[in-house]
Amino acid sequence: MTFKTPFYDRPFTYRPHLACDIEVLHVDNSLLIINKPAGLLSVEGKADDHKDCVDSRMKALYPQARIVHRLDLATSGVMVLAMSPKAQRHLGLQFERRHTAKTYLARIWGQPENDSGHIDLPLRCDWPNRPRQMVDHKQGKSAQTDWEVISRDDISARVLLKPITGRSHQLRVHMLAIGHPILGDQLYAHDEAFAATDRLQLHAASLTLHHPEGGERMTFEAPNEF
């Protein structure tokens, strides 16, 4: 059994959202914590107009900065960069071994019946329609998300999302799979949910990790834009 999104006829041309200056939240000898704006790539793409990115902007300010993980182009919020090769290795292992913890804020279409829930649906790339991902109970990799409603309005609900795994587009596909796509999602939202806002309403609100020097558990938060 597979689950496929019904919106493949929508061209994948992300509606430009002016990427503002990057806010630096914290910097020390090991960590560079930023608030990534929506509409900015984490690393440069192949096209000539995809060279502007977090990696190039931060290296212009901090030449030693190194990418550790990525946020989607349309997603805003907390990102960590390493300030040394040693810190990059340390942080990379934390992400690989799931020693970090992340929370996201999102606005989703409609009203969930419950106030919280757990989603356990395996995901894989939908190769003929990439970069889209899909639920696949036979070939998909394990993907789990906890969610909780924070508030509700006439057309949407604001939810706190806690990914237990870190699959590509996990939160976006999981919300769609339970019938509540994230507002402004060009890849997965139906027309009404897509047109309800001028950007993807998904924000990496907090990131918890161990400091590479000494191991102190630290949490960094980025103010929400919506």
C-alpha atoms as a PDB file:
ATOM      1  CA  MET A   1       0.000   0.000   0.000  1.00  0.00           C
ATOM      2  CA  THR A   2       1.304   3.416  -0.928  1.00  0.00           C
ATOM      3  CA  PHE A   3       0.098   6.950  -0.341  1.00  0.00           C
ATOM      4  CA  LYS A   4       0.598   9.512  -3.097  1.00  0.00           C
ATOM      5  CA  THR A   5      -0.070  13.210  -3.109  1.00  0.00           C
ATOM      6  CA  PRO A   6      -2.694  14.350  -5.632  1.00  0.00           C
ATOM      7  CA  PHE A   7      -1.036  17.608  -6.647  1.00  0.00           C
ATOM      8  CA  TYR A   8       1.558  16.552  -9.220  1.00  0.00           C
ATOM      9  CA  ASP A   9       0.189  18.899 -11.868  1.00  0.00           C
ATOM     10  CA  ARG A  10       1.381  21.973  -9.939  1.00  0.00           C
ATOM     11  CA  PRO A  11       4.749  23.112 -11.351  1.00  0.00           C
ATOM     12  CA  PHE A  12       7.526  23.153  -8.791  1.00  0.00           C
ATOM     13  CA  THR A  13       8.515  26.796  -8.989  1.00  0.00           C
ATOM     14  CA  TYR A  14       8.705  28.055  -5.427  1.00  0.00           C
ATOM     15  CA  ARG A  15       7.002  31.400  -5.073  1.00  0.00           C
ATOM     16  CA  PRO A  16       9.822  33.770  -4.177  1.00  0.00           C
ATOM     17  CA  HIS A  17       9.857  35.019  -0.614  1.00  0.00           C
ATOM     18  CA  LEU A  18      12.408  37.763  -0.081  1.00  0.00           C
ATOM     19  CA  ALA A  19      15.156  36.222   2.013  1.00  0.00           C
ATOM     20  CA  CYS A  20      16.134  38.860   4.544  1.00  0.00           C
ATOM     21  CA  ASP A  21      19.416  39.149   6.403  1.00  0.00           C
ATOM     22  CA  ILE A  22      20.339  36.161   8.523  1.00  0.00           C
ATOM     23  CA  GLU A  23      19.960  36.705  12.265  1.00  0.00           C
ATOM     24  CA  VAL A  24      22.849  35.314  14.300  1.00  0.00           C
ATOM     25  CA  LEU A  25      21.494  33.885  17.557  1.00  0.00           C
ATOM     26  CA  HIS A  26      24.749  32.634  19.106  1.00  0.00           C
ATOM     27  CA  VAL A  27      28.400  32.273  18.180  1.00  0.00           C
ATOM     28  CA  ASP A  28      31.412  30.805  19.973  1.00  0.00           C
ATOM     29  CA  ASN A  29      34.523  28.795  19.092  1.00  0.00           C
ATOM     30  CA  SER A  30      32.440  25.716  18.158  1.00  0.00           C
ATOM     31  CA  LEU A  31      28.908  26.838  17.320  1.00  0.00           C
ATOM     32  CA  LEU A  32      27.254  29.326  14.992  1.00  0.00           C
ATOM     33  CA  ILE A  33      23.496  29.369  15.567  1.00  0.00           C
ATOM     34  CA  ILE A  34      21.312  31.291  13.102  1.00  0.00           C
ATOM     35  CA  ASN A  35      17.683  31.969  12.283  1.00  0.00           C
ATOM     36  CA  LYS A  36      17.384  31.022   8.603  1.00  0.00           C
ATOM     37  CA  PRO A  37      14.861  33.100   6.651  1.00  0.00           C
ATOM     38  CA  ALA A  38      12.314  31.420   4.403  1.00  0.00           C
ATOM     39  CA  GLY A  39      13.286  31.474   0.729  1.00  0.00           C
ATOM     40  CA  LEU A  40      17.014  30.956   1.263  1.00  0.00           C
ATOM     41  CA  LEU A  41      18.793  27.725   0.355  1.00  0.00           C
ATOM     42  CA  SER A  42      20.967  26.059   2.990  1.00  0.00           C
ATOM     43  CA  VAL A  43      23.655  25.211   0.399  1.00  0.00           C
ATOM     44  CA  GLU A  44      24.019  26.423  -3.161  1.00  0.00           C
ATOM     45  CA  GLY A  45      22.230  24.677  -6.006  1.00  0.00           C
ATOM     46  CA  LYS A  46      23.419  23.912  -9.520  1.00  0.00           C
ATOM     47  CA  ALA A  47      21.574  26.751 -11.267  1.00  0.00           C
ATOM     48  CA  ASP A  48      23.254  30.152 -11.526  1.00  0.00           C
ATOM     49  CA  ASP A  49      20.423  31.814  -9.608  1.00  0.00           C
ATOM     50  CA  HIS A  50      20.766  29.300  -6.740  1.00  0.00           C
ATOM     51  CA  LYS A  51      24.172  30.435  -5.503  1.00  0.00           C
ATOM     52  CA  ASP A  52      22.886  32.632  -2.694  1.00  0.00           C
ATOM     53  CA  CYS A  53      22.595  30.412   0.387  1.00  0.00           C
ATOM     54  CA  VAL A  54      23.248  30.098   4.110  1.00  0.00           C
ATOM     55  CA  ASP A  55      26.643  28.492   3.471  1.00  0.00           C
ATOM     56  CA  SER A  56      27.990  31.309   1.289  1.00  0.00           C
ATOM     57  CA  ARG A  57      26.544  34.121   3.404  1.00  0.00           C
ATOM     58  CA  MET A  58      27.908  32.749   6.673  1.00  0.00           C
ATOM     59  CA  LYS A  59      31.345  32.002   5.213  1.00  0.00           C
ATOM     60  CA  ALA A  60      31.541  35.634   4.100  1.00  0.00           C
ATOM     61  CA  LEU A  61      31.189  36.613   7.773  1.00  0.00           C
ATOM     62  CA  TYR A  62      32.848  33.595   9.405  1.00  0.00           C
ATOM     63  CA  PRO A  63      35.248  31.897   6.948  1.00  0.00           C
ATOM     64  CA  GLN A  64      35.647  28.885   9.240  1.00  0.00           C
ATOM     65  CA  ALA A  65      31.887  28.140   9.365  1.00  0.00           C
ATOM     66  CA  ARG A  66      30.825  24.710   8.116  1.00  0.00           C
ATOM     67  CA  ILE A  67      27.383  23.336   7.274  1.00  0.00           C
ATOM     68  CA  VAL A  68      26.174  20.543   9.574  1.00  0.00           C
ATOM     69  CA  HIS A  69      22.546  20.034   8.500  1.00  0.00           C
ATOM     70  CA  ARG A  70      19.975  21.678   6.250  1.00  0.00           C
ATOM     71  CA  LEU A  71      16.536  23.232   6.311  1.00  0.00           C
ATOM     72  CA  ASP A  72      14.320  23.229   3.219  1.00  0.00           C
ATOM     73  CA  LEU A  73      14.367  26.353   1.061  1.00  0.00           C
ATOM     74  CA  ALA A  74      10.860  27.332   2.184  1.00  0.00           C
ATOM     75  CA  THR A  75      11.398  26.590   5.894  1.00  0.00           C
ATOM     76  CA  SER A  76      12.648  29.194   8.351  1.00  0.00           C
ATOM     77  CA  GLY A  77      14.209  28.798  11.775  1.00  0.00           C
ATOM     78  CA  VAL A  78      17.098  27.520  13.859  1.00  0.00           C
ATOM     79  CA  MET A  79      20.164  26.123  12.114  1.00  0.00           C
ATOM     80  CA  VAL A  80      23.564  25.250  13.570  1.00  0.00           C
ATOM     81  CA  LEU A  81      26.855  25.576  11.725  1.00  0.00           C
ATOM     82  CA  ALA A  82      30.183  24.320  13.078  1.00  0.00           C
ATOM     83  CA  MET A  83      33.097  26.662  13.633  1.00  0.00           C
ATOM     84  CA  SER A  84      35.824  24.009  13.305  1.00  0.00           C
ATOM     85  CA  PRO A  85      36.334  20.588  11.698  1.00  0.00           C
ATOM     86  CA  LYS A  86      36.245  18.972  15.160  1.00  0.00           C
ATOM     87  CA  ALA A  87      32.937  20.624  15.996  1.00  0.00           C
ATOM     88  CA  GLN A  88      31.520  19.616  12.610  1.00  0.00           C
ATOM     89  CA  ARG A  89      32.342  15.956  13.266  1.00  0.00           C
ATOM     90  CA  HIS A  90      30.915  16.120  16.784  1.00  0.00           C
ATOM     91  CA  LEU A  91      27.673  17.755  15.667  1.00  0.00           C
ATOM     92  CA  GLY A  92      27.337  15.470  12.664  1.00  0.00           C
ATOM     93  CA  LEU A  93      27.437  12.430  14.936  1.00  0.00           C
ATOM     94  CA  GLN A  94      24.817  13.980  17.199  1.00  0.00           C
ATOM     95  CA  PHE A  95      22.408  14.333  14.277  1.00  0.00           C
ATOM     96  CA  GLU A  96      23.255  10.859  12.972  1.00  0.00           C
ATOM     97  CA  ARG A  97      22.712   9.214  16.375  1.00  0.00           C
ATOM     98  CA  ARG A  98      19.592  11.299  17.154  1.00  0.00           C
ATOM     99  CA  HIS A  99      21.159  13.019  20.138  1.00  0.00           C
ATOM    100  CA  THR A 100      19.644  16.323  19.062  1.00  0.00           C
ATOM    101  CA  ALA A 101      16.033  17.386  19.586  1.00  0.00           C
ATOM    102  CA  LYS A 102      14.050  19.693  17.297  1.00  0.00           C
ATOM    103  CA  THR A 103      10.655  21.340  17.522  1.00  0.00           C
ATOM    104  CA  TYR A 104       8.786  23.040  14.691  1.00  0.00           C
ATOM    105  CA  LEU A 105       5.791  25.338  14.539  1.00  0.00           C
ATOM    106  CA  ALA A 106       3.345  25.026  11.657  1.00  0.00           C
ATOM    107  CA  ARG A 107      -0.085  26.181  10.567  1.00  0.00           C
ATOM    108  CA  ILE A 108      -2.088  23.360   9.051  1.00  0.00           C
ATOM    109  CA  TRP A 109      -5.289  23.367   7.031  1.00  0.00           C
ATOM    110  CA  GLY A 110      -8.483  22.474   8.878  1.00  0.00           C
ATOM    111  CA  GLN A 111      -9.169  21.245  12.376  1.00  0.00           C
ATOM    112  CA  PRO A 112      -7.680  17.994  13.702  1.00  0.00           C
ATOM    113  CA  GLU A 113     -10.223  15.953  15.626  1.00  0.00           C
ATOM    114  CA  ASN A 114      -7.786  15.415  18.503  1.00  0.00           C
ATOM    115  CA  ASP A 115      -5.486  17.863  20.269  1.00  0.00           C
ATOM    116  CA  SER A 116      -2.383  15.705  19.862  1.00  0.00           C
ATOM    117  CA  GLY A 117      -1.181  12.571  18.162  1.00  0.00           C
ATOM    118  CA  HIS A 118       1.650  10.365  16.954  1.00  0.00           C
ATOM    119  CA  ILE A 119       2.288   9.620  13.277  1.00  0.00           C
ATOM    120  CA  ASP A 120       4.207   6.511  12.288  1.00  0.00           C
ATOM    121  CA  LEU A 121       4.285   6.332   8.484  1.00  0.00           C
ATOM    122  CA  PRO A 122       7.363   5.209   6.493  1.00  0.00           C
ATOM    123  CA  LEU A 123       8.598   7.512   3.741  1.00  0.00           C
ATOM    124  CA  ARG A 124      10.597   7.305   0.537  1.00  0.00           C
ATOM    125  CA  CYS A 125      11.312   9.525  -2.442  1.00  0.00           C
ATOM    126  CA  ASP A 126       8.645   9.543  -5.158  1.00  0.00           C
ATOM    127  CA  TRP A 127      11.269   9.295  -7.898  1.00  0.00           C
ATOM    128  CA  PRO A 128       9.108  10.167 -10.953  1.00  0.00           C
ATOM    129  CA  ASN A 129       7.949  13.303  -9.125  1.00  0.00           C
ATOM    130  CA  ARG A 130      11.005  14.247  -7.054  1.00  0.00           C
ATOM    131  CA  PRO A 131      11.687  16.194  -4.903  1.00  0.00           C
ATOM    132  CA  ARG A 132       8.335  14.998  -3.578  1.00  0.00           C
ATOM    133  CA  GLN A 133       8.300  12.266  -0.961  1.00  0.00           C
ATOM    134  CA  MET A 134       5.598   9.688  -0.320  1.00  0.00           C
ATOM    135  CA  VAL A 135       4.333   7.203   2.228  1.00  0.00           C
ATOM    136  CA  ASP A 136       5.260   3.635   1.302  1.00  0.00           C
ATOM    137  CA  HIS A 137       4.596   0.810   3.770  1.00  0.00           C
ATOM    138  CA  LYS A 138       6.749  -1.650   1.825  1.00  0.00           C
ATOM    139  CA  GLN A 139       9.838   0.290   0.734  1.00  0.00           C
ATOM    140  CA  GLY A 140       9.719   3.392   2.922  1.00  0.00           C
ATOM    141  CA  LYS A 141      12.105   4.170   5.782  1.00  0.00           C
ATOM    142  CA  SER A 142      10.748   4.544   9.299  1.00  0.00           C
ATOM    143  CA  ALA A 143       9.428   8.047  10.011  1.00  0.00           C
ATOM    144  CA  GLN A 144       7.725   9.221  13.193  1.00  0.00           C
ATOM    145  CA  THR A 145       6.319  12.586  14.267  1.00  0.00           C
ATOM    146  CA  ASP A 146       4.564  13.770  17.428  1.00  0.00           C
ATOM    147  CA  TRP A 147       2.164  16.696  17.081  1.00  0.00           C
ATOM    148  CA  GLU A 148       0.145  18.918  19.411  1.00  0.00           C
ATOM    149  CA  VAL A 149      -2.402  21.645  18.687  1.00  0.00           C
ATOM    150  CA  ILE A 150      -1.473  25.023  20.203  1.00  0.00           C
ATOM    151  CA  SER A 151      -4.378  27.108  18.889  1.00  0.00           C
ATOM    152  CA  ARG A 152      -7.165  27.063  16.309  1.00  0.00           C
ATOM    153  CA  ASP A 153      -8.792  29.633  14.010  1.00  0.00           C
ATOM    154  CA  ASP A 154     -11.481  29.559  11.325  1.00  0.00           C
ATOM    155  CA  ILE A 155      -9.488  27.707   8.663  1.00  0.00           C
ATOM    156  CA  SER A 156      -6.404  26.352  10.360  1.00  0.00           C
ATOM    157  CA  ALA A 157      -4.691  25.124  13.475  1.00  0.00           C
ATOM    158  CA  ARG A 158      -1.284  26.072  14.825  1.00  0.00           C
ATOM    159  CA  VAL A 159       0.627  22.973  15.848  1.00  0.00           C
ATOM    160  CA  LEU A 160       3.863  22.050  17.572  1.00  0.00           C
ATOM    161  CA  LEU A 161       5.678  19.290  15.671  1.00  0.00           C
ATOM    162  CA  LYS A 162       8.378  17.071  17.145  1.00  0.00           C
ATOM    163  CA  PRO A 163      10.092  14.843  14.573  1.00  0.00           C
ATOM    164  CA  ILE A 164      11.517  11.691  16.118  1.00  0.00           C
ATOM    165  CA  THR A 165      13.223  10.764  12.854  1.00  0.00           C
ATOM    166  CA  GLY A 166      14.601  13.159  10.246  1.00  0.00           C
ATOM    167  CA  ARG A 167      13.386  12.074   6.817  1.00  0.00           C
ATOM    168  CA  SER A 168      13.216  14.504   3.906  1.00  0.00           C
ATOM    169  CA  HIS A 169       9.932  16.474   3.932  1.00  0.00           C
ATOM    170  CA  GLN A 170       8.791  14.328   6.868  1.00  0.00           C
ATOM    171  CA  LEU A 171       6.626  16.927   8.578  1.00  0.00           C
ATOM    172  CA  ARG A 172       5.051  18.095   5.338  1.00  0.00           C
ATOM    173  CA  VAL A 173       4.114  14.603   4.161  1.00  0.00           C
ATOM    174  CA  HIS A 174       2.956  13.447   7.593  1.00  0.00           C
ATOM    175  CA  MET A 175       0.616  16.413   7.971  1.00  0.00           C
ATOM    176  CA  LEU A 176      -0.794  15.775   4.514  1.00  0.00           C
ATOM    177  CA  ALA A 177      -1.209  12.079   5.320  1.00  0.00           C
ATOM    178  CA  ILE A 178      -3.522  12.851   8.254  1.00  0.00           C
ATOM    179  CA  GLY A 179      -5.559  15.241   6.104  1.00  0.00           C
ATOM    180  CA  HIS A 180      -4.096  18.568   7.261  1.00  0.00           C
ATOM    181  CA  PRO A 181      -1.444  19.901   4.847  1.00  0.00           C
ATOM    182  CA  ILE A 182       0.746  22.787   5.958  1.00  0.00           C
ATOM    183  CA  LEU A 183      -0.440  26.139   4.636  1.00  0.00           C
ATOM    184  CA  GLY A 184       1.525  27.499   1.686  1.00  0.00           C
ATOM    185  CA  ASP A 185       3.101  24.149   0.834  1.00  0.00           C
ATOM    186  CA  GLN A 186       3.669  24.155  -2.912  1.00  0.00           C
ATOM    187  CA  LEU A 187       4.545  20.481  -3.065  1.00  0.00           C
ATOM    188  CA  TYR A 188       1.792  18.931  -0.979  1.00  0.00           C
ATOM    189  CA  ALA A 189      -1.042  21.356  -0.142  1.00  0.00           C
ATOM    190  CA  HIS A 190      -4.301  21.484  -2.096  1.00  0.00           C
ATOM    191  CA  ASP A 191      -5.152  24.743  -3.854  1.00  0.00           C
ATOM    192  CA  GLU A 192      -6.974  26.407  -0.952  1.00  0.00           C
ATOM    193  CA  ALA A 193      -4.280  25.583   1.580  1.00  0.00           C
ATOM    194  CA  PHE A 194      -1.554  26.616  -0.861  1.00  0.00           C
ATOM    195  CA  ALA A 195      -3.182  29.989  -1.573  1.00  0.00           C
ATOM    196  CA  ALA A 196      -3.967  30.741   2.084  1.00  0.00           C
ATOM    197  CA  THR A 197      -0.547  32.343   2.710  1.00  0.00           C
ATOM    198  CA  ASP A 198       2.453  33.679   0.795  1.00  0.00           C
ATOM    199  CA  ARG A 199       4.972  31.215   2.276  1.00  0.00           C
ATOM    200  CA  LEU A 200       5.237  27.749   3.723  1.00  0.00           C
ATOM    201  CA  GLN A 201       4.007  28.025   7.298  1.00  0.00           C
ATOM    202  CA  LEU A 202       6.728  25.839   8.791  1.00  0.00           C
ATOM    203  CA  HIS A 203       9.344  27.150  11.209  1.00  0.00           C
ATOM    204  CA  ALA A 204      12.153  25.373  13.074  1.00  0.00           C
ATOM    205  CA  ALA A 205      11.429  26.854  16.489  1.00  0.00           C
ATOM    206  CA  SER A 206      14.098  25.208  18.648  1.00  0.00           C
ATOM    207  CA  LEU A 207      17.149  22.987  18.499  1.00  0.00           C
ATOM    208  CA  THR A 208      18.685  21.173  21.469  1.00  0.00           C
ATOM    209  CA  LEU A 209      22.186  19.718  21.273  1.00  0.00           C
ATOM    210  CA  HIS A 210      25.337  18.965  23.247  1.00  0.00           C
ATOM    211  CA  HIS A 211      28.064  21.569  23.029  1.00  0.00           C
ATOM    212  CA  PRO A 212      31.097  20.054  21.247  1.00  0.00           C
ATOM    213  CA  GLU A 213      33.356  21.380  24.004  1.00  0.00           C
ATOM    214  CA  GLY A 214      32.350  19.918  27.343  1.00  0.00           C
ATOM    215  CA  GLY A 215      29.058  18.332  26.315  1.00  0.00           C
ATOM    216  CA  GLU A 216      26.708  20.836  27.963  1.00  0.00           C
ATOM    217  CA  ARG A 217      23.108  20.329  26.817  1.00  0.00           C
ATOM    218  CA  MET A 218      21.936  23.580  25.216  1.00  0.00           C
ATOM    219  CA  THR A 219      18.693  24.734  23.598  1.00  0.00           C
ATOM    220  CA  PHE A 220      18.475  27.519  21.035  1.00  0.00           C
ATOM    221  CA  GLU A 221      15.221  29.139  19.903  1.00  0.00           C
ATOM    222  CA  ALA A 222      14.313  31.333  16.934  1.00  0.00           C
ATOM    223  CA  PRO A 223      11.347  33.753  16.982  1.00  0.00           C
ATOM    224  CA  ASN A 224       8.473  32.711  14.755  1.00  0.00           C
ATOM    225  CA  GLU A 225       7.576  34.741  11.645  1.00  0.00           C
ATOM    226  CA  PHE A 226       3.893  33.828  11.420  1.00  0.00           C
END
